[in-house]
């Protein structure tokens, strides 16, 4: 199996925009999606109007590391059957927003994920893509795309240091740290997130 990198997924994003007849866009990504969004802005900045990197990091090992309890859940074997997969999703409360975390919501999201495209090997391949892609620190220092970084202060899967570091590296980047937000986007925080995105995209 040929390994892939974040750049491959960034290229997929641009290919989709091209297929839709969209020359440039405001690009938003969360978690690994934030890393892909950063890579899009770095590889083809003329097609990225603004970048929003949410609960993500820079690829540097010194920043954004998961807490031990979050790592334990991330690397656990995933149940192969649908019901087991859905039930196990409750363990992800370990990195959810403590104030708003809802096991029922996690089960619903897990059911949607399983039904859409269950691929148990995917997590390992995605982690491999992040590792193979290495640090974006030097490139981020040269980025000139208007950038907003959003991170939850209760994130245990990607520590807030990852968001702070991203904002520190990108010239002129804005940083929004949200209290009571973990590694998720609870409905209660949607108004704040939407307002930030709309304001940033102008």
N, C-alpha and C. Protein backbone atom coordinates (compact mmCIF):
# COMPACT_ATOMS: atom_id res chain seq x y z
N UNK A 1 0.84 -1.19 0.00
CA UNK A 1 0.00 0.00 0.00
C UNK A 1 0.89 1.25 0.00
N UNK A 2 0.60 2.18 -0.89
CA UNK A 2 1.38 3.41 -1.00
C UNK A 2 0.91 4.40 0.07
N UNK A 3 1.82 4.87 0.93
CA UNK A 3 1.41 5.84 1.95
C UNK A 3 1.08 7.18 1.31
N UNK A 4 0.21 7.92 1.95
CA UNK A 4 -0.11 9.24 1.45
C UNK A 4 0.20 10.27 2.52
N UNK A 5 0.24 11.52 2.11
CA UNK A 5 0.62 12.61 2.99
C UNK A 5 -0.47 13.67 2.99
N UNK A 6 -0.28 14.67 3.84
CA UNK A 6 -1.26 15.75 3.90
C UNK A 6 -1.36 16.47 2.56
N UNK A 7 -0.25 16.58 1.83
CA UNK A 7 -0.27 17.26 0.54
C UNK A 7 -1.19 16.55 -0.45
N UNK A 8 -1.24 15.23 -0.38
CA UNK A 8 -2.15 14.49 -1.26
C UNK A 8 -3.60 14.87 -1.00
N UNK A 9 -3.93 15.02 0.28
CA UNK A 9 -5.31 15.38 0.63
C UNK A 9 -5.59 16.85 0.33
N UNK A 10 -4.57 17.70 0.46
CA UNK A 10 -4.73 19.10 0.04
C UNK A 10 -5.00 19.17 -1.46
N UNK A 11 -4.27 18.37 -2.23
CA UNK A 11 -4.50 18.32 -3.67
C UNK A 11 -5.91 17.84 -3.99
N UNK A 12 -6.41 16.89 -3.21
CA UNK A 12 -7.79 16.43 -3.39
C UNK A 12 -8.77 17.59 -3.19
N UNK A 13 -8.50 18.42 -2.18
CA UNK A 13 -9.36 19.57 -1.92
C UNK A 13 -9.38 20.53 -3.10
N UNK A 14 -8.22 20.81 -3.65
CA UNK A 14 -8.16 21.71 -4.81
C UNK A 14 -8.81 21.07 -6.03
N UNK A 15 -8.65 19.76 -6.18
CA UNK A 15 -9.28 19.08 -7.32
C UNK A 15 -10.80 19.19 -7.24
N UNK A 16 -11.33 19.09 -6.02
CA UNK A 16 -12.78 19.24 -5.85
C UNK A 16 -13.22 20.65 -6.21
N UNK A 17 -12.48 21.66 -5.73
CA UNK A 17 -12.82 23.04 -6.08
C UNK A 17 -12.80 23.23 -7.60
N UNK A 18 -11.78 22.68 -8.25
CA UNK A 18 -11.68 22.80 -9.70
C UNK A 18 -12.87 22.14 -10.39
N UNK A 19 -13.23 20.96 -9.93
CA UNK A 19 -14.37 20.24 -10.52
C UNK A 19 -15.66 21.02 -10.36
N UNK A 20 -15.76 21.78 -9.28
CA UNK A 20 -16.96 22.58 -9.02
C UNK A 20 -16.89 23.95 -9.68
N UNK A 21 -15.79 24.23 -10.35
CA UNK A 21 -15.64 25.52 -11.02
C UNK A 21 -15.35 26.66 -10.07
N UNK A 22 -14.75 26.36 -8.92
CA UNK A 22 -14.44 27.37 -7.91
C UNK A 22 -12.94 27.66 -7.95
N UNK A 23 -12.58 28.90 -8.26
CA UNK A 23 -11.17 29.25 -8.40
C UNK A 23 -10.49 29.39 -7.05
N UNK A 24 -11.17 30.03 -6.09
CA UNK A 24 -10.58 30.24 -4.77
C UNK A 24 -11.67 30.18 -3.72
N UNK A 25 -11.27 29.95 -2.46
CA UNK A 25 -12.27 29.73 -1.41
C UNK A 25 -11.70 30.10 -0.05
N UNK A 26 -12.60 30.35 0.88
CA UNK A 26 -12.25 30.46 2.29
C UNK A 26 -12.13 29.03 2.82
N UNK A 27 -10.98 28.64 3.28
CA UNK A 27 -10.72 27.25 3.66
C UNK A 27 -10.71 27.11 5.18
N UNK A 28 -11.55 26.19 5.67
CA UNK A 28 -11.67 25.92 7.10
C UNK A 28 -11.41 24.44 7.32
N UNK A 29 -10.58 24.12 8.30
CA UNK A 29 -10.33 22.73 8.62
C UNK A 29 -10.19 22.54 10.12
N UNK A 30 -10.67 21.40 10.60
CA UNK A 30 -10.61 21.09 12.03
C UNK A 30 -9.83 19.80 12.26
N UNK A 31 -9.00 19.79 13.29
CA UNK A 31 -8.20 18.63 13.67
C UNK A 31 -7.24 18.30 12.52
N UNK A 32 -7.26 17.07 12.01
CA UNK A 32 -6.42 16.76 10.85
C UNK A 32 -6.82 17.64 9.67
N UNK A 33 -8.10 17.98 9.60
CA UNK A 33 -8.56 18.89 8.55
C UNK A 33 -7.89 20.24 8.63
N UNK A 34 -7.55 20.68 9.85
CA UNK A 34 -6.81 21.92 10.00
C UNK A 34 -5.41 21.82 9.42
N UNK A 35 -4.80 20.66 9.58
CA UNK A 35 -3.48 20.44 8.99
C UNK A 35 -3.55 20.43 7.48
N UNK A 36 -4.62 19.82 6.94
CA UNK A 36 -4.82 19.81 5.49
C UNK A 36 -5.08 21.22 4.99
N UNK A 37 -5.90 21.98 5.73
CA UNK A 37 -6.18 23.36 5.34
C UNK A 37 -4.90 24.20 5.34
N UNK A 38 -4.06 24.02 6.36
CA UNK A 38 -2.77 24.72 6.38
C UNK A 38 -1.95 24.36 5.14
N UNK A 39 -1.94 23.08 4.81
CA UNK A 39 -1.17 22.61 3.66
C UNK A 39 -1.72 23.18 2.36
N UNK A 40 -3.03 23.32 2.26
CA UNK A 40 -3.62 23.96 1.08
C UNK A 40 -3.13 25.40 0.95
N UNK A 41 -3.15 26.13 2.07
CA UNK A 41 -2.73 27.53 2.04
C UNK A 41 -1.24 27.66 1.71
N UNK A 42 -0.45 26.70 2.15
CA UNK A 42 0.98 26.74 1.88
C UNK A 42 1.31 26.33 0.45
N UNK A 43 0.58 25.36 -0.08
CA UNK A 43 0.93 24.83 -1.40
C UNK A 43 0.36 25.66 -2.55
N UNK A 44 -0.76 26.33 -2.32
CA UNK A 44 -1.39 27.10 -3.39
C UNK A 44 -2.11 28.31 -2.80
N UNK A 45 -1.36 29.25 -2.23
CA UNK A 45 -1.97 30.36 -1.48
C UNK A 45 -2.89 31.24 -2.32
N UNK A 46 -2.66 31.28 -3.63
CA UNK A 46 -3.50 32.13 -4.47
C UNK A 46 -4.93 31.62 -4.58
N UNK A 47 -5.17 30.37 -4.17
CA UNK A 47 -6.52 29.81 -4.22
C UNK A 47 -7.20 29.82 -2.86
N UNK A 48 -6.49 30.28 -1.83
CA UNK A 48 -7.04 30.31 -0.47
C UNK A 48 -7.25 31.76 -0.06
N UNK A 49 -8.51 32.17 0.00
CA UNK A 49 -8.83 33.56 0.36
C UNK A 49 -8.51 33.84 1.82
N UNK A 50 -8.95 32.94 2.69
CA UNK A 50 -8.61 32.98 4.11
C UNK A 50 -8.44 31.55 4.60
N UNK A 51 -7.67 31.39 5.65
CA UNK A 51 -7.46 30.10 6.29
C UNK A 51 -7.98 30.16 7.71
N UNK A 52 -8.77 29.16 8.09
CA UNK A 52 -9.14 28.99 9.50
C UNK A 52 -8.72 27.59 9.92
N UNK A 53 -7.82 27.53 10.88
CA UNK A 53 -7.30 26.26 11.40
C UNK A 53 -7.87 26.05 12.80
N UNK A 54 -8.69 25.02 12.94
CA UNK A 54 -9.37 24.76 14.21
C UNK A 54 -8.81 23.52 14.89
N UNK A 55 -8.61 23.61 16.20
CA UNK A 55 -8.14 22.50 17.05
C UNK A 55 -7.12 21.63 16.32
N UNK A 56 -6.07 22.30 15.84
CA UNK A 56 -5.05 21.65 15.04
C UNK A 56 -3.66 22.02 15.54
N UNK A 57 -2.64 21.72 14.75
CA UNK A 57 -1.28 21.97 15.18
C UNK A 57 -0.37 22.16 13.97
N UNK A 58 0.93 22.19 14.22
CA UNK A 58 1.92 22.55 13.19
C UNK A 58 2.74 21.37 12.67
N UNK A 59 2.55 20.20 13.25
CA UNK A 59 3.38 19.06 12.89
C UNK A 59 4.64 18.94 13.71
N UNK A 60 4.85 19.87 14.63
CA UNK A 60 6.02 19.81 15.52
C UNK A 60 5.69 18.95 16.73
N UNK A 61 6.58 18.06 17.09
CA UNK A 61 6.30 17.12 18.18
C UNK A 61 6.22 17.79 19.55
N UNK A 62 6.75 18.99 19.67
CA UNK A 62 6.76 19.67 20.97
C UNK A 62 5.44 20.35 21.29
N UNK A 63 4.52 20.39 20.33
CA UNK A 63 3.27 21.12 20.52
C UNK A 63 2.07 20.26 20.13
N UNK A 64 0.97 20.48 20.86
CA UNK A 64 -0.29 19.85 20.48
C UNK A 64 -0.42 18.38 20.78
N UNK A 65 0.40 17.86 21.67
CA UNK A 65 0.36 16.42 21.94
C UNK A 65 -0.88 16.03 22.75
N UNK A 66 -1.40 14.85 22.47
CA UNK A 66 -2.57 14.35 23.18
C UNK A 66 -2.22 13.96 24.60
N UNK A 67 -3.18 14.17 25.50
CA UNK A 67 -3.02 13.70 26.88
C UNK A 67 -3.05 12.17 26.90
N UNK A 68 -2.42 11.55 27.90
CA UNK A 68 -2.36 10.08 27.93
C UNK A 68 -3.73 9.41 27.83
N UNK A 69 -4.73 9.97 28.51
CA UNK A 69 -6.05 9.34 28.47
C UNK A 69 -6.69 9.45 27.09
N UNK A 70 -6.38 10.52 26.37
CA UNK A 70 -6.89 10.66 25.00
C UNK A 70 -6.15 9.72 24.05
N UNK A 71 -4.84 9.57 24.24
CA UNK A 71 -4.07 8.64 23.42
C UNK A 71 -4.59 7.22 23.58
N UNK A 72 -4.94 6.86 24.81
CA UNK A 72 -5.42 5.50 25.07
C UNK A 72 -6.68 5.20 24.26
N UNK A 73 -7.57 6.18 24.16
CA UNK A 73 -8.80 5.99 23.39
C UNK A 73 -8.50 6.01 21.89
N UNK A 74 -7.64 6.92 21.47
CA UNK A 74 -7.33 7.06 20.05
C UNK A 74 -6.73 5.78 19.47
N UNK A 75 -5.86 5.12 20.25
CA UNK A 75 -5.15 3.96 19.73
C UNK A 75 -5.79 2.62 20.11
N UNK A 76 -6.95 2.65 20.73
CA UNK A 76 -7.59 1.40 21.08
C UNK A 76 -8.11 0.70 19.82
N UNK A 77 -8.21 -0.63 19.85
CA UNK A 77 -8.80 -1.34 18.70
C UNK A 77 -10.27 -0.95 18.54
N UNK A 78 -10.68 -0.73 17.32
CA UNK A 78 -12.07 -0.34 17.04
C UNK A 78 -12.92 -1.59 16.81
N UNK A 79 -14.09 -1.66 17.43
CA UNK A 79 -14.98 -2.79 17.16
C UNK A 79 -15.37 -2.82 15.69
N UNK A 80 -15.47 -4.02 15.13
CA UNK A 80 -15.79 -4.15 13.71
C UNK A 80 -17.28 -4.08 13.43
N UNK A 81 -18.10 -4.48 14.41
CA UNK A 81 -19.54 -4.48 14.17
C UNK A 81 -20.13 -3.10 14.46
N UNK A 82 -21.24 -2.80 13.80
CA UNK A 82 -21.83 -1.47 13.88
C UNK A 82 -22.22 -1.10 15.31
N UNK A 83 -22.90 -1.99 16.01
CA UNK A 83 -23.37 -1.67 17.36
C UNK A 83 -22.20 -1.47 18.32
N UNK A 84 -21.17 -2.30 18.18
CA UNK A 84 -19.99 -2.13 19.03
C UNK A 84 -19.27 -0.84 18.75
N UNK A 85 -19.19 -0.49 17.48
CA UNK A 85 -18.53 0.76 17.09
C UNK A 85 -19.26 1.96 17.67
N UNK A 86 -20.58 1.93 17.60
CA UNK A 86 -21.38 3.04 18.12
C UNK A 86 -21.25 3.14 19.63
N UNK A 87 -21.31 2.00 20.32
CA UNK A 87 -21.21 2.00 21.78
C UNK A 87 -19.84 2.52 22.24
N UNK A 88 -18.79 2.13 21.51
CA UNK A 88 -17.43 2.54 21.90
C UNK A 88 -17.20 4.03 21.72
N UNK A 89 -18.05 4.67 20.92
CA UNK A 89 -17.87 6.11 20.69
C UNK A 89 -18.00 6.92 21.97
N UNK A 90 -18.70 6.38 22.96
CA UNK A 90 -18.86 7.11 24.22
C UNK A 90 -17.52 7.36 24.90
N UNK A 91 -16.53 6.51 24.61
CA UNK A 91 -15.20 6.71 25.20
C UNK A 91 -14.59 8.03 24.74
N UNK A 92 -15.06 8.56 23.62
CA UNK A 92 -14.51 9.81 23.10
C UNK A 92 -14.93 11.02 23.92
N UNK A 93 -15.78 10.80 24.90
CA UNK A 93 -16.08 11.89 25.84
C UNK A 93 -14.82 12.38 26.53
N UNK A 94 -13.76 11.57 26.52
CA UNK A 94 -12.51 11.95 27.18
C UNK A 94 -11.92 13.21 26.56
N UNK A 95 -12.19 13.45 25.28
CA UNK A 95 -11.68 14.68 24.66
C UNK A 95 -12.78 15.64 24.24
N UNK A 96 -14.01 15.31 24.56
CA UNK A 96 -15.12 16.21 24.24
C UNK A 96 -15.18 17.37 25.24
N UNK A 97 -15.95 18.38 24.89
CA UNK A 97 -16.15 19.52 25.79
C UNK A 97 -16.81 19.04 27.07
N UNK A 98 -16.12 19.22 28.20
CA UNK A 98 -16.63 18.69 29.46
C UNK A 98 -17.99 19.29 29.83
N UNK A 99 -18.16 20.55 29.55
CA UNK A 99 -19.41 21.22 29.92
C UNK A 99 -20.57 20.79 29.03
N UNK A 100 -20.27 20.47 27.77
CA UNK A 100 -21.35 20.21 26.81
C UNK A 100 -21.35 18.79 26.27
N UNK A 101 -20.36 17.98 26.64
CA UNK A 101 -20.25 16.64 26.09
C UNK A 101 -21.53 15.83 26.26
N UNK A 102 -21.92 15.13 25.20
CA UNK A 102 -23.19 14.40 25.19
C UNK A 102 -22.97 13.05 24.53
N UNK A 103 -23.10 11.98 25.31
CA UNK A 103 -22.87 10.63 24.79
C UNK A 103 -23.82 10.31 23.65
N UNK A 104 -25.06 10.79 23.73
CA UNK A 104 -26.03 10.51 22.67
C UNK A 104 -25.59 11.12 21.34
N UNK A 105 -25.03 12.32 21.41
CA UNK A 105 -24.54 12.97 20.19
C UNK A 105 -23.38 12.18 19.60
N UNK A 106 -22.47 11.71 20.46
CA UNK A 106 -21.34 10.92 19.98
C UNK A 106 -21.80 9.63 19.32
N UNK A 107 -22.81 8.99 19.90
CA UNK A 107 -23.34 7.77 19.29
C UNK A 107 -23.96 8.06 17.92
N UNK A 108 -24.68 9.16 17.82
CA UNK A 108 -25.30 9.53 16.55
C UNK A 108 -24.24 9.81 15.48
N UNK A 109 -23.19 10.54 15.86
CA UNK A 109 -22.11 10.82 14.92
C UNK A 109 -21.40 9.54 14.50
N UNK A 110 -21.21 8.63 15.46
CA UNK A 110 -20.55 7.36 15.14
C UNK A 110 -21.38 6.53 14.18
N UNK A 111 -22.69 6.53 14.37
CA UNK A 111 -23.58 5.79 13.46
C UNK A 111 -23.49 6.36 12.05
N UNK A 112 -23.51 7.68 11.95
CA UNK A 112 -23.38 8.32 10.63
C UNK A 112 -22.05 7.98 9.99
N UNK A 113 -20.98 8.01 10.79
CA UNK A 113 -19.65 7.72 10.27
C UNK A 113 -19.55 6.28 9.78
N UNK A 114 -20.08 5.35 10.57
CA UNK A 114 -20.03 3.93 10.21
C UNK A 114 -20.80 3.68 8.92
N UNK A 115 -21.98 4.25 8.83
CA UNK A 115 -22.83 4.02 7.66
C UNK A 115 -22.28 4.68 6.40
N UNK A 116 -21.57 5.79 6.58
CA UNK A 116 -21.05 6.52 5.42
C UNK A 116 -19.84 5.81 4.81
N UNK A 117 -18.89 5.41 5.64
CA UNK A 117 -17.67 4.81 5.09
C UNK A 117 -16.82 4.24 6.22
N UNK A 118 -17.19 3.05 6.71
CA UNK A 118 -16.42 2.46 7.80
C UNK A 118 -15.14 1.84 7.25
N UNK A 119 -14.01 2.32 7.74
CA UNK A 119 -12.70 1.82 7.29
C UNK A 119 -11.78 1.77 8.50
N UNK A 120 -11.75 0.65 9.22
CA UNK A 120 -10.99 0.59 10.48
C UNK A 120 -9.50 0.87 10.32
N UNK A 121 -8.95 0.63 9.14
CA UNK A 121 -7.52 0.90 8.93
C UNK A 121 -7.26 2.37 8.66
N UNK A 122 -8.31 3.13 8.46
CA UNK A 122 -8.15 4.54 8.09
C UNK A 122 -7.45 5.38 9.13
N UNK A 123 -7.75 5.13 10.41
CA UNK A 123 -7.14 5.94 11.47
C UNK A 123 -5.62 5.82 11.44
N UNK A 124 -5.14 4.60 11.30
CA UNK A 124 -3.70 4.39 11.26
C UNK A 124 -3.05 5.05 10.05
N UNK A 125 -3.72 4.98 8.91
CA UNK A 125 -3.18 5.60 7.70
C UNK A 125 -3.18 7.13 7.82
N UNK A 126 -4.21 7.67 8.46
CA UNK A 126 -4.25 9.12 8.66
C UNK A 126 -3.13 9.58 9.60
N UNK A 127 -2.93 8.83 10.68
CA UNK A 127 -1.83 9.16 11.58
C UNK A 127 -0.49 9.08 10.85
N UNK A 128 -0.37 8.07 9.99
CA UNK A 128 0.85 7.93 9.19
C UNK A 128 1.07 9.12 8.28
N UNK A 129 -0.02 9.61 7.69
CA UNK A 129 0.08 10.78 6.80
C UNK A 129 0.57 12.00 7.56
N UNK A 130 0.07 12.17 8.78
CA UNK A 130 0.51 13.32 9.57
C UNK A 130 1.99 13.21 9.93
N UNK A 131 2.41 12.01 10.32
CA UNK A 131 3.81 11.81 10.71
C UNK A 131 4.74 11.99 9.51
N UNK A 132 4.38 11.37 8.37
CA UNK A 132 5.21 11.46 7.18
C UNK A 132 5.33 12.89 6.66
N UNK A 133 4.31 13.70 6.91
CA UNK A 133 4.31 15.07 6.40
C UNK A 133 5.23 15.99 7.18
N UNK A 134 5.56 15.63 8.41
CA UNK A 134 6.53 16.39 9.19
C UNK A 134 6.03 17.76 9.64
N UNK A 135 6.97 18.59 10.03
CA UNK A 135 6.66 19.92 10.56
C UNK A 135 6.41 20.93 9.44
N UNK A 136 5.42 21.78 9.67
CA UNK A 136 5.14 22.89 8.74
C UNK A 136 5.65 24.22 9.29
N UNK A 137 6.41 24.20 10.37
CA UNK A 137 6.78 25.42 11.09
C UNK A 137 7.47 26.44 10.19
N UNK A 138 8.50 26.03 9.48
CA UNK A 138 9.24 26.98 8.65
C UNK A 138 8.36 27.58 7.57
N UNK A 139 7.53 26.75 6.95
CA UNK A 139 6.65 27.25 5.89
C UNK A 139 5.59 28.18 6.45
N UNK A 140 5.06 27.87 7.63
CA UNK A 140 4.03 28.72 8.24
C UNK A 140 4.58 30.10 8.56
N UNK A 141 5.84 30.21 8.86
CA UNK A 141 6.45 31.52 9.12
C UNK A 141 6.39 32.43 7.90
N UNK A 142 6.30 31.83 6.72
CA UNK A 142 6.29 32.59 5.47
C UNK A 142 4.89 32.76 4.89
N UNK A 143 3.89 32.20 5.54
CA UNK A 143 2.53 32.23 5.01
C UNK A 143 1.97 33.65 5.06
N UNK A 144 1.34 34.07 3.98
CA UNK A 144 0.77 35.42 3.92
C UNK A 144 -0.75 35.39 3.69
N UNK A 145 -1.36 34.25 3.83
CA UNK A 145 -2.82 34.14 3.72
C UNK A 145 -3.44 34.59 5.05
N UNK A 146 -4.47 35.44 5.03
CA UNK A 146 -5.13 35.83 6.29
C UNK A 146 -5.58 34.60 7.07
N UNK A 147 -5.14 34.49 8.31
CA UNK A 147 -5.31 33.25 9.07
C UNK A 147 -5.95 33.50 10.43
N UNK A 148 -6.89 32.63 10.76
CA UNK A 148 -7.50 32.60 12.09
C UNK A 148 -7.28 31.22 12.68
N UNK A 149 -6.84 31.16 13.91
CA UNK A 149 -6.65 29.90 14.63
C UNK A 149 -7.67 29.84 15.76
N UNK A 150 -8.42 28.75 15.81
CA UNK A 150 -9.42 28.54 16.86
C UNK A 150 -9.07 27.26 17.61
N UNK A 151 -9.09 27.32 18.94
CA UNK A 151 -8.78 26.13 19.73
C UNK A 151 -9.56 26.16 21.03
N UNK A 152 -10.02 24.99 21.44
CA UNK A 152 -10.70 24.88 22.72
C UNK A 152 -9.69 24.71 23.85
N UNK A 153 -9.92 25.40 24.94
CA UNK A 153 -8.99 25.31 26.06
C UNK A 153 -9.08 23.98 26.79
N UNK A 154 -10.16 23.21 26.56
CA UNK A 154 -10.31 21.91 27.21
C UNK A 154 -9.95 20.75 26.28
N UNK A 155 -9.27 21.03 25.18
CA UNK A 155 -8.92 19.99 24.21
C UNK A 155 -7.82 19.10 24.78
N UNK A 156 -8.10 17.80 24.91
CA UNK A 156 -7.09 16.86 25.39
C UNK A 156 -6.53 15.99 24.26
N UNK A 157 -7.14 16.05 23.07
CA UNK A 157 -6.63 15.26 21.95
C UNK A 157 -5.52 16.01 21.21
N UNK A 158 -5.74 17.28 20.95
CA UNK A 158 -4.67 18.15 20.44
C UNK A 158 -4.57 19.31 21.43
N UNK A 159 -3.53 19.28 22.24
CA UNK A 159 -3.37 20.27 23.30
C UNK A 159 -3.43 21.69 22.72
N UNK A 160 -4.01 22.65 23.47
CA UNK A 160 -4.09 24.03 22.99
C UNK A 160 -2.74 24.64 22.59
N UNK A 161 -1.65 24.06 23.07
CA UNK A 161 -0.33 24.57 22.65
C UNK A 161 -0.16 24.47 21.14
N UNK A 162 -0.86 23.51 20.52
CA UNK A 162 -0.80 23.39 19.06
C UNK A 162 -1.41 24.59 18.37
N UNK A 163 -2.55 25.05 18.88
CA UNK A 163 -3.18 26.23 18.31
C UNK A 163 -2.36 27.49 18.57
N UNK A 164 -1.89 27.62 19.80
CA UNK A 164 -1.07 28.80 20.13
C UNK A 164 0.18 28.87 19.25
N UNK A 165 0.81 27.73 19.05
CA UNK A 165 2.02 27.69 18.24
C UNK A 165 1.71 28.07 16.79
N UNK A 166 0.60 27.58 16.26
CA UNK A 166 0.22 27.92 14.89
C UNK A 166 0.05 29.43 14.74
N UNK A 167 -0.67 30.03 15.68
CA UNK A 167 -0.90 31.48 15.63
C UNK A 167 0.39 32.26 15.81
N UNK A 168 1.30 31.75 16.63
CA UNK A 168 2.58 32.42 16.83
C UNK A 168 3.42 32.42 15.54
N UNK A 169 3.32 31.34 14.77
CA UNK A 169 4.16 31.21 13.59
C UNK A 169 3.66 32.01 12.40
N UNK A 170 2.35 32.03 12.18
CA UNK A 170 1.80 32.67 10.98
C UNK A 170 1.74 34.19 11.20
N UNK A 171 2.41 34.96 10.37
CA UNK A 171 2.40 36.42 10.55
C UNK A 171 0.97 36.99 10.52
N UNK A 172 0.64 37.76 11.55
CA UNK A 172 -0.66 38.42 11.59
C UNK A 172 -1.84 37.54 11.92
N UNK A 173 -1.61 36.29 12.28
CA UNK A 173 -2.73 35.38 12.54
C UNK A 173 -3.50 35.80 13.78
N UNK A 174 -4.82 35.61 13.73
CA UNK A 174 -5.65 35.81 14.90
C UNK A 174 -5.76 34.51 15.68
N UNK A 175 -5.99 34.62 16.97
CA UNK A 175 -6.11 33.44 17.83
C UNK A 175 -7.34 33.58 18.70
N UNK A 176 -8.23 32.60 18.59
CA UNK A 176 -9.44 32.56 19.41
C UNK A 176 -9.39 31.29 20.25
N UNK A 177 -9.20 31.45 21.56
CA UNK A 177 -9.20 30.33 22.50
C UNK A 177 -10.55 30.32 23.21
N UNK A 178 -11.24 29.19 23.13
CA UNK A 178 -12.61 29.12 23.62
C UNK A 178 -12.68 28.29 24.91
N UNK A 179 -13.07 28.91 26.02
CA UNK A 179 -13.23 28.17 27.27
C UNK A 179 -14.32 27.10 27.13
N UNK A 180 -14.16 26.01 27.84
CA UNK A 180 -15.15 24.92 27.90
C UNK A 180 -15.28 24.15 26.59
N UNK A 181 -14.43 24.41 25.61
CA UNK A 181 -14.48 23.67 24.35
C UNK A 181 -13.37 22.65 24.31
N UNK A 182 -13.73 21.39 24.02
CA UNK A 182 -12.76 20.33 23.88
C UNK A 182 -12.44 20.09 22.41
N UNK A 183 -12.23 18.83 22.05
CA UNK A 183 -11.92 18.48 20.66
C UNK A 183 -13.21 18.12 19.94
N UNK A 184 -14.11 19.07 19.91
CA UNK A 184 -15.40 18.89 19.25
C UNK A 184 -16.02 20.26 19.02
N UNK A 185 -17.19 20.26 18.41
CA UNK A 185 -17.87 21.52 18.14
C UNK A 185 -19.30 21.42 18.66
N UNK A 186 -19.50 21.50 19.97
CA UNK A 186 -20.85 21.34 20.52
C UNK A 186 -21.79 22.43 20.04
N UNK A 187 -23.04 22.06 19.89
CA UNK A 187 -24.05 22.98 19.36
C UNK A 187 -24.09 24.29 20.15
N UNK A 188 -23.86 24.21 21.45
CA UNK A 188 -23.92 25.41 22.29
C UNK A 188 -22.88 26.46 21.89
N UNK A 189 -21.81 26.02 21.25
CA UNK A 189 -20.75 26.94 20.85
C UNK A 189 -20.83 27.36 19.39
N UNK A 190 -21.81 26.84 18.67
CA UNK A 190 -21.94 27.20 17.26
C UNK A 190 -22.04 28.70 17.02
N UNK A 191 -22.84 29.44 17.80
CA UNK A 191 -22.93 30.89 17.53
C UNK A 191 -21.56 31.58 17.59
N UNK A 192 -20.74 31.24 18.58
CA UNK A 192 -19.42 31.86 18.69
C UNK A 192 -18.53 31.46 17.52
N UNK A 193 -18.60 30.20 17.12
CA UNK A 193 -17.77 29.72 16.01
C UNK A 193 -18.21 30.36 14.70
N UNK A 194 -19.51 30.39 14.46
CA UNK A 194 -20.02 30.98 13.22
C UNK A 194 -19.67 32.45 13.13
N UNK A 195 -19.82 33.16 14.24
CA UNK A 195 -19.49 34.58 14.25
C UNK A 195 -18.02 34.80 13.91
N UNK A 196 -17.16 33.96 14.48
CA UNK A 196 -15.72 34.09 14.21
C UNK A 196 -15.41 33.82 12.74
N UNK A 197 -16.04 32.79 12.17
CA UNK A 197 -15.79 32.44 10.78
C UNK A 197 -16.29 33.53 9.83
N UNK A 198 -17.48 34.04 10.10
CA UNK A 198 -18.06 35.08 9.24
C UNK A 198 -17.22 36.35 9.30
N UNK A 199 -16.82 36.72 10.51
CA UNK A 199 -16.00 37.93 10.67
C UNK A 199 -14.66 37.78 9.95
N UNK A 200 -14.05 36.61 10.09
CA UNK A 200 -12.74 36.39 9.47
C UNK A 200 -12.82 36.38 7.95
N UNK A 201 -13.89 35.80 7.41
CA UNK A 201 -14.00 35.69 5.95
C UNK A 201 -14.47 36.98 5.31
N UNK A 202 -14.90 37.95 6.16
CA UNK A 202 -15.27 39.27 5.68
C UNK A 202 -16.54 39.29 4.87
